[in-house]
Amino acid sequence: MKKLLAMAAIAVFGLSSAQQGFKLGAHIGVPVSDAGDVSSFTLGLDGAYMWNVGSGFDLGVATGYSHFIGKDNWDDFGFIPVAVAGKYRFPSSPISLGLDLGYGISTKDGIDGGLYYQPKVAYNFSQGELYLGYQGVNSKIGPFDFNVGAVNLGYNFFLK
């Protein structure tokens, strides 16, 4: 597991020096759905590389790490998303809508990975974006469905 995290970090930071559309940030959030029963809050890192593919539309890849702080005798757990990211910027407005869609890799034995999704709305600045989003992973613990969700507030810096 530690090797996987190290490889993801090297890949993310390696891209930052070579890619013009790279963004890196962090988020905090409130767990909801099944995760709200076993976790008190979440925090994490975000990384993405975006290409402009049309007027106001960016498409790219996203990853990061979301760590859920356990409560009531539950251990902490986390997910590493590997996703395709899309973002639409409204003309003459600092507002944008985005969606990340992919797979969430679990960092804890006994919790499976699953479908990862994150719709979000952002307020764009010249050097970054402030966003509000819902992050979800459709997972399993053994034979039981375990829906991990969190309402997150984050900030991503645009690196050039």
N, C-alpha and C. Protein backbone atom coordinates (compact mmCIF):
# COMPACT_ATOMS: atom_id res chain seq x y z
N MET A 1 0.81 -1.19 0.00
CA MET A 1 0.00 0.00 0.00
C MET A 1 0.86 1.26 0.00
N LYS A 2 1.90 1.24 0.83
CA LYS A 2 2.78 2.41 0.88
C LYS A 2 3.47 2.64 -0.46
N LYS A 3 3.79 1.54 -1.16
CA LYS A 3 4.42 1.67 -2.48
C LYS A 3 3.46 2.32 -3.47
N LEU A 4 2.18 1.94 -3.39
CA LEU A 4 1.17 2.52 -4.28
C LEU A 4 1.04 4.02 -4.04
N LEU A 5 0.99 4.42 -2.78
CA LEU A 5 0.91 5.85 -2.45
C LEU A 5 2.14 6.60 -2.94
N ALA A 6 3.32 6.01 -2.76
CA ALA A 6 4.55 6.65 -3.20
C ALA A 6 4.56 6.82 -4.72
N MET A 7 4.13 5.77 -5.44
CA MET A 7 4.09 5.86 -6.90
C MET A 7 3.11 6.92 -7.36
N ALA A 8 1.96 7.02 -6.71
CA ALA A 8 0.97 8.04 -7.08
C ALA A 8 1.52 9.44 -6.84
N ALA A 9 2.20 9.63 -5.71
CA ALA A 9 2.78 10.94 -5.40
C ALA A 9 3.86 11.32 -6.40
N ILE A 10 4.71 10.37 -6.77
CA ILE A 10 5.76 10.65 -7.75
C ILE A 10 5.15 11.02 -9.09
N ALA A 11 4.10 10.28 -9.50
CA ALA A 11 3.44 10.58 -10.76
C ALA A 11 2.81 11.96 -10.75
N VAL A 12 2.13 12.30 -9.67
CA VAL A 12 1.47 13.60 -9.57
C VAL A 12 2.48 14.73 -9.56
N PHE A 13 3.52 14.62 -8.74
CA PHE A 13 4.51 15.69 -8.65
C PHE A 13 5.38 15.75 -9.89
N GLY A 14 5.61 14.62 -10.53
CA GLY A 14 6.36 14.60 -11.77
C GLY A 14 5.64 15.34 -12.88
N LEU A 15 4.34 15.21 -12.93
CA LEU A 15 3.56 15.91 -13.94
C LEU A 15 3.58 17.42 -13.73
N SER A 16 3.69 17.86 -12.47
CA SER A 16 3.58 19.29 -12.19
C SER A 16 4.66 20.10 -12.88
N SER A 17 5.84 19.53 -13.06
CA SER A 17 6.90 20.30 -13.68
C SER A 17 6.82 20.25 -15.20
N ALA A 18 6.10 19.26 -15.75
CA ALA A 18 6.09 19.10 -17.19
C ALA A 18 4.79 19.53 -17.85
N GLN A 19 3.72 19.69 -17.11
CA GLN A 19 2.42 19.93 -17.70
C GLN A 19 1.92 21.33 -17.38
N GLN A 20 1.36 21.96 -18.38
CA GLN A 20 0.87 23.32 -18.23
C GLN A 20 -0.50 23.39 -17.57
N GLY A 21 -1.35 22.37 -17.74
CA GLY A 21 -2.70 22.39 -17.20
C GLY A 21 -2.85 21.63 -15.91
N PHE A 22 -1.82 21.61 -15.10
CA PHE A 22 -1.83 20.84 -13.85
C PHE A 22 -2.44 21.67 -12.72
N LYS A 23 -3.22 21.00 -11.87
CA LYS A 23 -3.72 21.67 -10.66
C LYS A 23 -3.53 20.74 -9.47
N LEU A 24 -3.23 21.32 -8.34
CA LEU A 24 -2.96 20.59 -7.12
C LEU A 24 -3.64 21.32 -5.97
N GLY A 25 -4.30 20.57 -5.09
CA GLY A 25 -5.02 21.21 -4.00
C GLY A 25 -5.34 20.27 -2.86
N ALA A 26 -6.23 20.74 -2.00
CA ALA A 26 -6.62 19.98 -0.82
C ALA A 26 -8.10 20.23 -0.54
N HIS A 27 -8.69 19.31 0.22
CA HIS A 27 -10.10 19.46 0.59
C HIS A 27 -10.34 18.94 2.00
N ILE A 28 -11.42 19.44 2.60
CA ILE A 28 -11.93 18.93 3.88
C ILE A 28 -13.42 18.67 3.66
N GLY A 29 -13.98 17.76 4.46
CA GLY A 29 -15.38 17.48 4.23
C GLY A 29 -16.07 16.78 5.37
N VAL A 30 -17.38 16.65 5.18
CA VAL A 30 -18.26 15.99 6.13
C VAL A 30 -18.74 14.68 5.49
N PRO A 31 -18.44 13.53 6.10
CA PRO A 31 -18.90 12.26 5.55
C PRO A 31 -20.42 12.14 5.61
N VAL A 32 -21.00 11.55 4.58
CA VAL A 32 -22.44 11.29 4.52
C VAL A 32 -22.63 9.85 4.04
N SER A 33 -23.86 9.43 3.89
CA SER A 33 -24.19 8.08 3.48
C SER A 33 -23.64 7.11 4.53
N ASP A 34 -23.22 5.91 4.13
CA ASP A 34 -22.70 4.93 5.09
C ASP A 34 -21.44 5.44 5.80
N ALA A 35 -20.64 6.23 5.10
CA ALA A 35 -19.41 6.76 5.70
C ALA A 35 -19.71 7.69 6.88
N GLY A 36 -20.85 8.36 6.85
CA GLY A 36 -21.22 9.25 7.95
C GLY A 36 -21.48 8.51 9.25
N ASP A 37 -21.82 7.22 9.15
CA ASP A 37 -22.05 6.42 10.35
C ASP A 37 -20.76 5.99 11.03
N VAL A 38 -19.66 5.92 10.28
CA VAL A 38 -18.41 5.37 10.81
C VAL A 38 -17.25 6.35 10.78
N SER A 39 -17.47 7.56 10.27
CA SER A 39 -16.40 8.54 10.13
C SER A 39 -16.88 9.91 10.56
N SER A 40 -15.99 10.68 11.20
CA SER A 40 -16.38 12.00 11.71
C SER A 40 -16.07 13.13 10.73
N PHE A 41 -14.98 13.04 9.98
CA PHE A 41 -14.68 14.02 8.94
C PHE A 41 -13.65 13.44 7.98
N THR A 42 -13.45 14.13 6.88
CA THR A 42 -12.51 13.68 5.87
C THR A 42 -11.63 14.84 5.43
N LEU A 43 -10.44 14.50 4.99
CA LEU A 43 -9.52 15.48 4.43
C LEU A 43 -8.71 14.79 3.35
N GLY A 44 -8.18 15.57 2.43
CA GLY A 44 -7.44 14.92 1.36
C GLY A 44 -6.73 15.87 0.43
N LEU A 45 -6.08 15.26 -0.56
CA LEU A 45 -5.33 15.98 -1.58
C LEU A 45 -5.96 15.73 -2.94
N ASP A 46 -5.86 16.71 -3.82
CA ASP A 46 -6.39 16.61 -5.18
C ASP A 46 -5.28 16.92 -6.17
N GLY A 47 -5.27 16.20 -7.28
CA GLY A 47 -4.35 16.48 -8.36
C GLY A 47 -5.02 16.17 -9.68
N ALA A 48 -4.79 17.01 -10.69
CA ALA A 48 -5.39 16.77 -12.00
C ALA A 48 -4.56 17.45 -13.07
N TYR A 49 -4.67 16.93 -14.27
CA TYR A 49 -4.12 17.59 -15.45
C TYR A 49 -5.26 17.75 -16.44
N MET A 50 -5.49 18.98 -16.89
CA MET A 50 -6.63 19.28 -17.76
C MET A 50 -6.14 19.84 -19.11
N TRP A 51 -6.80 19.40 -20.18
CA TRP A 51 -6.58 19.92 -21.51
C TRP A 51 -7.83 20.68 -21.93
N ASN A 52 -7.65 21.83 -22.58
CA ASN A 52 -8.78 22.55 -23.13
C ASN A 52 -9.14 21.89 -24.45
N VAL A 53 -10.35 21.34 -24.54
CA VAL A 53 -10.76 20.61 -25.75
C VAL A 53 -11.86 21.33 -26.52
N GLY A 54 -12.34 22.43 -25.98
CA GLY A 54 -13.39 23.19 -26.66
C GLY A 54 -13.61 24.49 -25.93
N SER A 55 -14.47 25.30 -26.48
CA SER A 55 -14.76 26.60 -25.88
C SER A 55 -15.35 26.42 -24.48
N GLY A 56 -14.55 26.73 -23.46
CA GLY A 56 -15.00 26.64 -22.08
C GLY A 56 -15.02 25.24 -21.51
N PHE A 57 -14.57 24.24 -22.28
CA PHE A 57 -14.62 22.85 -21.79
C PHE A 57 -13.22 22.27 -21.69
N ASP A 58 -12.91 21.75 -20.50
CA ASP A 58 -11.63 21.08 -20.25
C ASP A 58 -11.89 19.62 -19.94
N LEU A 59 -10.96 18.77 -20.37
CA LEU A 59 -11.04 17.34 -20.11
C LEU A 59 -9.67 16.88 -19.67
N GLY A 60 -9.63 15.96 -18.69
CA GLY A 60 -8.33 15.52 -18.20
C GLY A 60 -8.41 14.29 -17.33
N VAL A 61 -7.37 14.12 -16.53
CA VAL A 61 -7.27 13.00 -15.60
C VAL A 61 -7.10 13.55 -14.20
N ALA A 62 -7.62 12.82 -13.22
CA ALA A 62 -7.56 13.28 -11.84
C ALA A 62 -7.21 12.12 -10.91
N THR A 63 -6.54 12.46 -9.83
CA THR A 63 -6.23 11.51 -8.77
C THR A 63 -6.14 12.29 -7.47
N GLY A 64 -5.68 11.64 -6.43
CA GLY A 64 -5.53 12.29 -5.13
C GLY A 64 -5.62 11.27 -4.02
N TYR A 65 -6.08 11.71 -2.89
CA TYR A 65 -6.27 10.82 -1.75
C TYR A 65 -7.27 11.46 -0.81
N SER A 66 -8.26 10.69 -0.38
CA SER A 66 -9.23 11.14 0.62
C SER A 66 -9.14 10.23 1.83
N HIS A 67 -8.92 10.83 2.98
CA HIS A 67 -8.74 10.09 4.24
C HIS A 67 -9.95 10.36 5.14
N PHE A 68 -10.61 9.29 5.57
CA PHE A 68 -11.77 9.39 6.44
C PHE A 68 -11.36 9.03 7.86
N ILE A 69 -11.60 9.93 8.81
CA ILE A 69 -11.24 9.73 10.21
C ILE A 69 -12.35 8.92 10.88
N GLY A 70 -11.99 7.72 11.37
CA GLY A 70 -12.97 6.82 11.97
C GLY A 70 -13.49 7.33 13.30
N LYS A 71 -14.69 6.87 13.65
CA LYS A 71 -15.29 7.20 14.94
C LYS A 71 -15.96 5.94 15.50
N ASP A 72 -16.28 5.95 16.78
CA ASP A 72 -16.97 4.84 17.44
C ASP A 72 -16.30 3.50 17.17
N ASN A 73 -15.01 3.41 17.46
CA ASN A 73 -14.22 2.18 17.31
C ASN A 73 -14.02 1.73 15.87
N TRP A 74 -14.26 2.59 14.90
CA TRP A 74 -13.96 2.28 13.50
C TRP A 74 -12.60 2.84 13.17
N ASP A 75 -11.82 2.09 12.42
CA ASP A 75 -10.51 2.56 11.99
C ASP A 75 -10.65 3.59 10.87
N ASP A 76 -9.62 4.41 10.72
CA ASP A 76 -9.55 5.32 9.58
C ASP A 76 -9.49 4.50 8.29
N PHE A 77 -9.93 5.10 7.20
CA PHE A 77 -9.82 4.46 5.89
C PHE A 77 -9.71 5.55 4.84
N GLY A 78 -9.34 5.15 3.64
CA GLY A 78 -9.18 6.14 2.59
C GLY A 78 -9.35 5.55 1.21
N PHE A 79 -9.39 6.45 0.22
CA PHE A 79 -9.53 6.07 -1.18
C PHE A 79 -8.61 6.91 -2.04
N ILE A 80 -8.06 6.29 -3.06
CA ILE A 80 -7.27 6.98 -4.08
C ILE A 80 -8.09 6.92 -5.37
N PRO A 81 -8.60 8.05 -5.84
CA PRO A 81 -9.35 8.03 -7.10
C PRO A 81 -8.41 8.02 -8.31
N VAL A 82 -8.82 7.29 -9.33
CA VAL A 82 -8.20 7.34 -10.64
C VAL A 82 -9.36 7.63 -11.59
N ALA A 83 -9.39 8.86 -12.13
CA ALA A 83 -10.61 9.30 -12.79
C ALA A 83 -10.34 10.15 -14.03
N VAL A 84 -11.35 10.21 -14.86
CA VAL A 84 -11.43 11.17 -15.95
C VAL A 84 -12.15 12.38 -15.38
N ALA A 85 -11.65 13.58 -15.69
CA ALA A 85 -12.24 14.80 -15.15
C ALA A 85 -12.71 15.70 -16.29
N GLY A 86 -13.88 16.26 -16.12
CA GLY A 86 -14.41 17.23 -17.07
C GLY A 86 -14.80 18.50 -16.35
N LYS A 87 -14.66 19.63 -17.03
CA LYS A 87 -14.98 20.92 -16.41
C LYS A 87 -15.51 21.87 -17.48
N TYR A 88 -16.65 22.48 -17.19
CA TYR A 88 -17.22 23.48 -18.08
C TYR A 88 -17.21 24.84 -17.40
N ARG A 89 -16.56 25.81 -18.03
CA ARG A 89 -16.52 27.19 -17.53
C ARG A 89 -17.57 28.02 -18.28
N PHE A 90 -18.46 28.64 -17.53
CA PHE A 90 -19.48 29.47 -18.14
C PHE A 90 -18.84 30.73 -18.73
N PRO A 91 -19.29 31.15 -19.94
CA PRO A 91 -18.72 32.36 -20.55
C PRO A 91 -18.93 33.59 -19.67
N SER A 92 -17.91 34.42 -19.57
CA SER A 92 -17.96 35.68 -18.82
C SER A 92 -18.38 35.49 -17.37
N SER A 93 -18.02 34.36 -16.78
CA SER A 93 -18.37 34.08 -15.39
C SER A 93 -17.23 33.33 -14.72
N PRO A 94 -17.02 33.57 -13.43
CA PRO A 94 -15.98 32.82 -12.72
C PRO A 94 -16.47 31.43 -12.26
N ILE A 95 -17.72 31.09 -12.57
CA ILE A 95 -18.31 29.83 -12.11
C ILE A 95 -18.06 28.71 -13.13
N SER A 96 -17.77 27.52 -12.63
CA SER A 96 -17.63 26.35 -13.49
C SER A 96 -18.29 25.14 -12.83
N LEU A 97 -18.65 24.16 -13.65
CA LEU A 97 -19.19 22.89 -13.19
C LEU A 97 -18.24 21.79 -13.62
N GLY A 98 -18.04 20.80 -12.75
CA GLY A 98 -17.13 19.72 -13.09
C GLY A 98 -17.66 18.37 -12.66
N LEU A 99 -17.08 17.33 -13.23
CA LEU A 99 -17.41 15.96 -12.85
C LEU A 99 -16.17 15.10 -13.03
N ASP A 100 -15.81 14.38 -11.97
CA ASP A 100 -14.76 13.36 -12.03
C ASP A 100 -15.45 12.02 -11.96
N LEU A 101 -15.03 11.09 -12.81
CA LEU A 101 -15.66 9.78 -12.87
C LEU A 101 -14.59 8.72 -13.11
N GLY A 102 -14.56 7.70 -12.25
CA GLY A 102 -13.54 6.67 -12.40
C GLY A 102 -13.68 5.58 -11.36
N TYR A 103 -12.54 5.19 -10.79
CA TYR A 103 -12.49 4.10 -9.82
C TYR A 103 -11.79 4.60 -8.56
N GLY A 104 -12.36 4.30 -7.39
CA GLY A 104 -11.75 4.64 -6.11
C GLY A 104 -11.06 3.41 -5.53
N ILE A 105 -9.74 3.47 -5.37
CA ILE A 105 -8.96 2.36 -4.83
C ILE A 105 -8.93 2.49 -3.31
N SER A 106 -9.39 1.47 -2.62
CA SER A 106 -9.40 1.50 -1.15
C SER A 106 -7.99 1.31 -0.61
N THR A 107 -7.69 2.01 0.48
CA THR A 107 -6.39 1.86 1.13
C THR A 107 -6.46 0.97 2.36
N LYS A 108 -7.62 0.38 2.62
CA LYS A 108 -7.80 -0.44 3.82
C LYS A 108 -8.24 -1.85 3.43
N ASP A 109 -7.57 -2.84 3.99
CA ASP A 109 -7.98 -4.22 3.79
C ASP A 109 -9.40 -4.42 4.30
N GLY A 110 -10.18 -5.18 3.56
CA GLY A 110 -11.56 -5.45 3.96
C GLY A 110 -12.58 -4.51 3.36
N ILE A 111 -12.13 -3.39 2.81
CA ILE A 111 -13.02 -2.46 2.11
C ILE A 111 -12.61 -2.48 0.64
N ASP A 112 -13.55 -2.83 -0.21
CA ASP A 112 -13.27 -2.89 -1.65
C ASP A 112 -13.29 -1.50 -2.25
N GLY A 113 -12.59 -1.35 -3.37
CA GLY A 113 -12.71 -0.15 -4.17
C GLY A 113 -14.01 -0.21 -4.95
N GLY A 114 -14.30 0.84 -5.70
CA GLY A 114 -15.52 0.85 -6.48
C GLY A 114 -15.65 2.09 -7.34
N LEU A 115 -16.81 2.22 -7.98
CA LEU A 115 -17.10 3.37 -8.83
C LEU A 115 -16.91 4.66 -8.04
N TYR A 116 -16.11 5.57 -8.60
CA TYR A 116 -15.82 6.86 -7.97
C TYR A 116 -16.47 7.96 -8.80
N TYR A 117 -17.11 8.93 -8.14
CA TYR A 117 -17.71 10.06 -8.84
C TYR A 117 -17.62 11.29 -7.94
N GLN A 118 -17.45 12.44 -8.58
CA GLN A 118 -17.39 13.70 -7.83
C GLN A 118 -17.91 14.85 -8.69
N PRO A 119 -19.20 15.17 -8.59
CA PRO A 119 -19.69 16.39 -9.22
C PRO A 119 -19.30 17.58 -8.34
N LYS A 120 -19.00 18.71 -8.98
CA LYS A 120 -18.61 19.88 -8.18
C LYS A 120 -18.91 21.18 -8.92
N VAL A 121 -19.05 22.21 -8.14
CA VAL A 121 -19.20 23.56 -8.65
C VAL A 121 -18.03 24.37 -8.09
N ALA A 122 -17.44 25.22 -8.94
CA ALA A 122 -16.24 25.95 -8.52
C ALA A 122 -16.36 27.43 -8.84
N TYR A 123 -15.67 28.21 -8.03
CA TYR A 123 -15.48 29.64 -8.29
C TYR A 123 -14.01 29.79 -8.66
N ASN A 124 -13.76 30.26 -9.87
CA ASN A 124 -12.40 30.32 -10.41
C ASN A 124 -11.74 31.67 -10.16
N PHE A 125 -10.49 31.60 -9.73
CA PHE A 125 -9.63 32.77 -9.57
C PHE A 125 -8.53 32.66 -10.62
N SER A 126 -7.69 33.67 -10.75
CA SER A 126 -6.62 33.60 -11.75
C SER A 126 -5.61 32.50 -11.44
N GLN A 127 -5.37 32.21 -10.17
CA GLN A 127 -4.37 31.21 -9.80
C GLN A 127 -4.96 29.91 -9.23
N GLY A 128 -6.29 29.79 -9.19
CA GLY A 128 -6.86 28.58 -8.62
C GLY A 128 -8.38 28.59 -8.64
N GLU A 129 -8.94 27.61 -7.91
CA GLU A 129 -10.40 27.48 -7.84
C GLU A 129 -10.81 27.01 -6.45
N LEU A 130 -11.89 27.57 -5.95
CA LEU A 130 -12.52 27.16 -4.71
C LEU A 130 -13.73 26.33 -5.11
N TYR A 131 -13.83 25.09 -4.61
CA TYR A 131 -14.94 24.26 -5.06
C TYR A 131 -15.71 23.62 -3.91
N LEU A 132 -16.96 23.31 -4.20
CA LEU A 132 -17.84 22.55 -3.33
C LEU A 132 -18.27 21.34 -4.14
N GLY A 133 -18.08 20.14 -3.57
CA GLY A 133 -18.40 18.94 -4.32
C GLY A 133 -18.91 17.82 -3.45
N TYR A 134 -19.49 16.84 -4.11
CA TYR A 134 -19.90 15.61 -3.44
C TYR A 134 -19.03 14.49 -3.98
N GLN A 135 -18.31 13.84 -3.10
CA GLN A 135 -17.43 12.74 -3.49
C GLN A 135 -18.06 11.43 -3.05
N GLY A 136 -18.15 10.48 -3.98
CA GLY A 136 -18.75 9.20 -3.65
C GLY A 136 -17.96 8.03 -4.20
N VAL A 137 -17.99 6.91 -3.46
CA VAL A 137 -17.41 5.65 -3.91
C VAL A 137 -18.41 4.56 -3.57
N ASN A 138 -18.85 3.81 -4.57
CA ASN A 138 -19.72 2.66 -4.33
C ASN A 138 -18.83 1.47 -4.05
N SER A 139 -18.77 1.06 -2.79
CA SER A 139 -17.82 0.07 -2.32
C SER A 139 -18.54 -1.10 -1.67
N LYS A 140 -17.76 -2.02 -1.13
CA LYS A 140 -18.30 -3.16 -0.38
C LYS A 140 -17.38 -3.44 0.81
N ILE A 141 -18.00 -3.88 1.90
CA ILE A 141 -17.27 -4.46 3.03
C ILE A 141 -17.78 -5.89 3.11
N GLY A 142 -16.92 -6.83 2.69
CA GLY A 142 -17.37 -8.21 2.60
C GLY A 142 -18.51 -8.30 1.59
N PRO A 143 -19.62 -8.94 1.95
CA PRO A 143 -20.74 -9.06 1.01
C PRO A 143 -21.69 -7.86 1.03
N PHE A 144 -21.43 -6.87 1.89
CA PHE A 144 -22.35 -5.75 2.08
C PHE A 144 -21.93 -4.52 1.28
N ASP A 145 -22.92 -3.85 0.69
CA ASP A 145 -22.65 -2.58 0.01
C ASP A 145 -22.26 -1.55 1.06
N PHE A 146 -21.28 -0.72 0.71
CA PHE A 146 -20.80 0.34 1.60
C PHE A 146 -20.62 1.58 0.74
N ASN A 147 -21.55 2.51 0.87
CA ASN A 147 -21.52 3.72 0.06
C ASN A 147 -20.81 4.83 0.81
N VAL A 148 -19.64 5.15 0.32
CA VAL A 148 -18.82 6.20 0.92
C VAL A 148 -19.17 7.52 0.25
N GLY A 149 -19.52 8.51 1.04
CA GLY A 149 -19.83 9.82 0.49
C GLY A 149 -19.32 10.91 1.40
N ALA A 150 -19.03 12.07 0.80
CA ALA A 150 -18.60 13.22 1.58
C ALA A 150 -18.92 14.50 0.81
N VAL A 151 -19.37 15.50 1.52
CA VAL A 151 -19.54 16.83 0.97
C VAL A 151 -18.26 17.58 1.30
N ASN A 152 -17.54 18.00 0.25
CA ASN A 152 -16.20 18.57 0.42
C ASN A 152 -16.13 20.02 -0.02
N LEU A 153 -15.27 20.76 0.68
CA LEU A 153 -14.88 22.11 0.30
C LEU A 153 -13.39 22.06 0.04
N GLY A 154 -12.96 22.52 -1.14
CA GLY A 154 -11.54 22.42 -1.46
C GLY A 154 -11.04 23.61 -2.25
N TYR A 155 -9.72 23.68 -2.36
CA TYR A 155 -9.07 24.71 -3.16
C TYR A 155 -7.96 24.05 -3.97
N ASN A 156 -7.96 24.30 -5.27
CA ASN A 156 -6.92 23.80 -6.17
C ASN A 156 -6.13 24.97 -6.74
N PHE A 157 -4.80 24.85 -6.70
CA PHE A 157 -3.92 25.83 -7.31
C PHE A 157 -3.62 25.41 -8.75
N PHE A 158 -3.63 26.36 -9.68
CA PHE A 158 -3.23 26.09 -11.06
C PHE A 158 -1.73 26.28 -11.13
N LEU A 159 -1.03 25.23 -11.55
CA LEU A 159 0.43 25.28 -11.67
C LEU A 159 0.79 25.36 -13.14
N LYS A 160 1.68 26.27 -13.46
CA LYS A 160 2.08 26.45 -14.87
C LYS A 160 3.52 26.07 -15.06
